[in-house]
Each structure stands twice: as structure tokens, then as C-alpha cells.
Amino acid sequence: MFNWNGWPNMIHSPNWVNYILERPLNTEPGERMNYNSGCSHLLLSILQKVSGMSAKDFAITYLFSSL
């Protein structure tokens, strides 16, 4: 989990993913849940990298088309 107070710093960082990955952990992974925008952005970046699609195109293709 990240010791998160980083939103203002993250949005002014030239590379959000690097900023997130460079944040120190304050507990061992799996010990505690701590929602923060950095983790959400990191997951979105992984989705885009693996799928080769923008988040918008992925959502239209796999989420909204089923609705």
C-alpha cells in the first residue's frame, strides 16, 4: 500500500506511472487496503498496455457494448 498524500504531486509529475511506482509502501502487500487514485491510474495503465487499446476503446468494446 502506498503512503498516499500524492494526488497534487502526481498530477504535476511528468510521468504519473513512475511517480506512483516510486512511492514507498507503508505496509506489506496484502496486509491492508488503501484506496487511492494512484493505484487506480496504475491499473488503468496496465490495462492499456496489455490490451493495446485506450481505456475509452476498451470500455466501448468490452463493457458498454454489452449494455
Protein backbone atom coordinates (compact mmCIF):
# COMPACT_ATOMS: atom_id res chain seq x y z
CA MET A 1 0.00 0.00 0.00
CA PHE A 2 1.14 3.49 -0.69
CA ASN A 3 1.54 6.17 1.92
CA TRP A 4 -0.75 8.32 -0.18
CA ASN A 5 -0.94 12.04 0.01
CA GLY A 6 0.33 12.28 -3.50
CA TRP A 7 -2.52 13.50 -5.69
CA PRO A 8 -1.24 17.10 -6.05
CA ASN A 9 2.31 15.90 -6.70
CA MET A 10 1.20 13.14 -9.09
CA ILE A 11 -0.81 15.43 -11.37
CA HIS A 12 2.19 17.75 -11.72
CA SER A 13 4.61 14.91 -12.37
CA PRO A 14 5.73 14.38 -15.97
CA ASN A 15 5.21 10.61 -15.64
CA TRP A 16 2.34 9.51 -13.39
CA VAL A 17 3.19 5.80 -13.53
CA ASN A 18 6.79 6.38 -12.44
CA TYR A 19 5.62 8.69 -9.68
CA ILE A 20 3.23 6.01 -8.38
CA LEU A 21 5.81 3.22 -8.56
CA GLU A 22 8.40 5.33 -6.73
CA ARG A 23 6.11 5.92 -3.72
CA PRO A 24 7.17 3.96 -0.62
CA LEU A 25 4.99 1.17 0.76
CA ASN A 26 3.79 1.67 4.31
CA THR A 27 2.70 -1.97 4.85
CA GLU A 28 3.49 -5.31 3.26
CA PRO A 29 1.42 -6.10 0.15
CA GLY A 30 -1.85 -7.82 1.05
CA GLU A 31 -1.93 -6.63 4.67
CA ARG A 32 -4.23 -3.64 4.29
CA MET A 33 -6.43 -1.98 1.67
CA ASN A 34 -5.84 1.69 0.96
CA TYR A 35 -7.81 3.12 -1.96
CA ASN A 36 -6.06 5.91 -3.76
CA SER A 37 -6.13 7.45 -7.21
CA GLY A 38 -2.57 6.37 -7.89
CA CYS A 39 -3.45 2.68 -7.71
CA SER A 40 -6.45 3.23 -9.98
CA HIS A 41 -4.28 5.02 -12.52
CA LEU A 42 -1.66 2.27 -12.35
CA LEU A 43 -4.30 -0.39 -13.07
CA LEU A 44 -5.59 1.67 -16.00
CA SER A 45 -2.06 1.93 -17.41
CA ILE A 46 -1.63 -1.85 -17.12
CA LEU A 47 -4.97 -2.44 -18.88
CA GLN A 48 -3.97 -0.14 -21.74
CA LYS A 49 -0.52 -1.74 -22.09
CA VAL A 50 -1.84 -5.32 -22.08
CA SER A 51 -4.86 -4.71 -24.33
CA GLY A 52 -3.13 -2.32 -26.73
CA MET A 53 -6.23 -0.14 -26.56
CA SER A 54 -7.05 3.18 -24.98
CA ALA A 55 -9.21 2.96 -21.87
CA LYS A 56 -12.09 4.53 -23.82
CA ASP A 57 -11.86 1.99 -26.66
CA PHE A 58 -11.56 -0.89 -24.20
CA ALA A 59 -14.66 0.27 -22.32
CA ILE A 60 -16.68 0.73 -25.50
CA THR A 61 -15.66 -2.70 -26.83
CA TYR A 62 -15.89 -4.84 -23.70
CA LEU A 63 -18.12 -3.00 -21.26
CA PHE A 64 -20.60 -0.71 -22.95
CA SER A 65 -21.33 -2.89 -25.98
CA SER A 66 -22.89 -5.47 -23.63
CA LEU A 67 -25.24 -2.88 -22.19
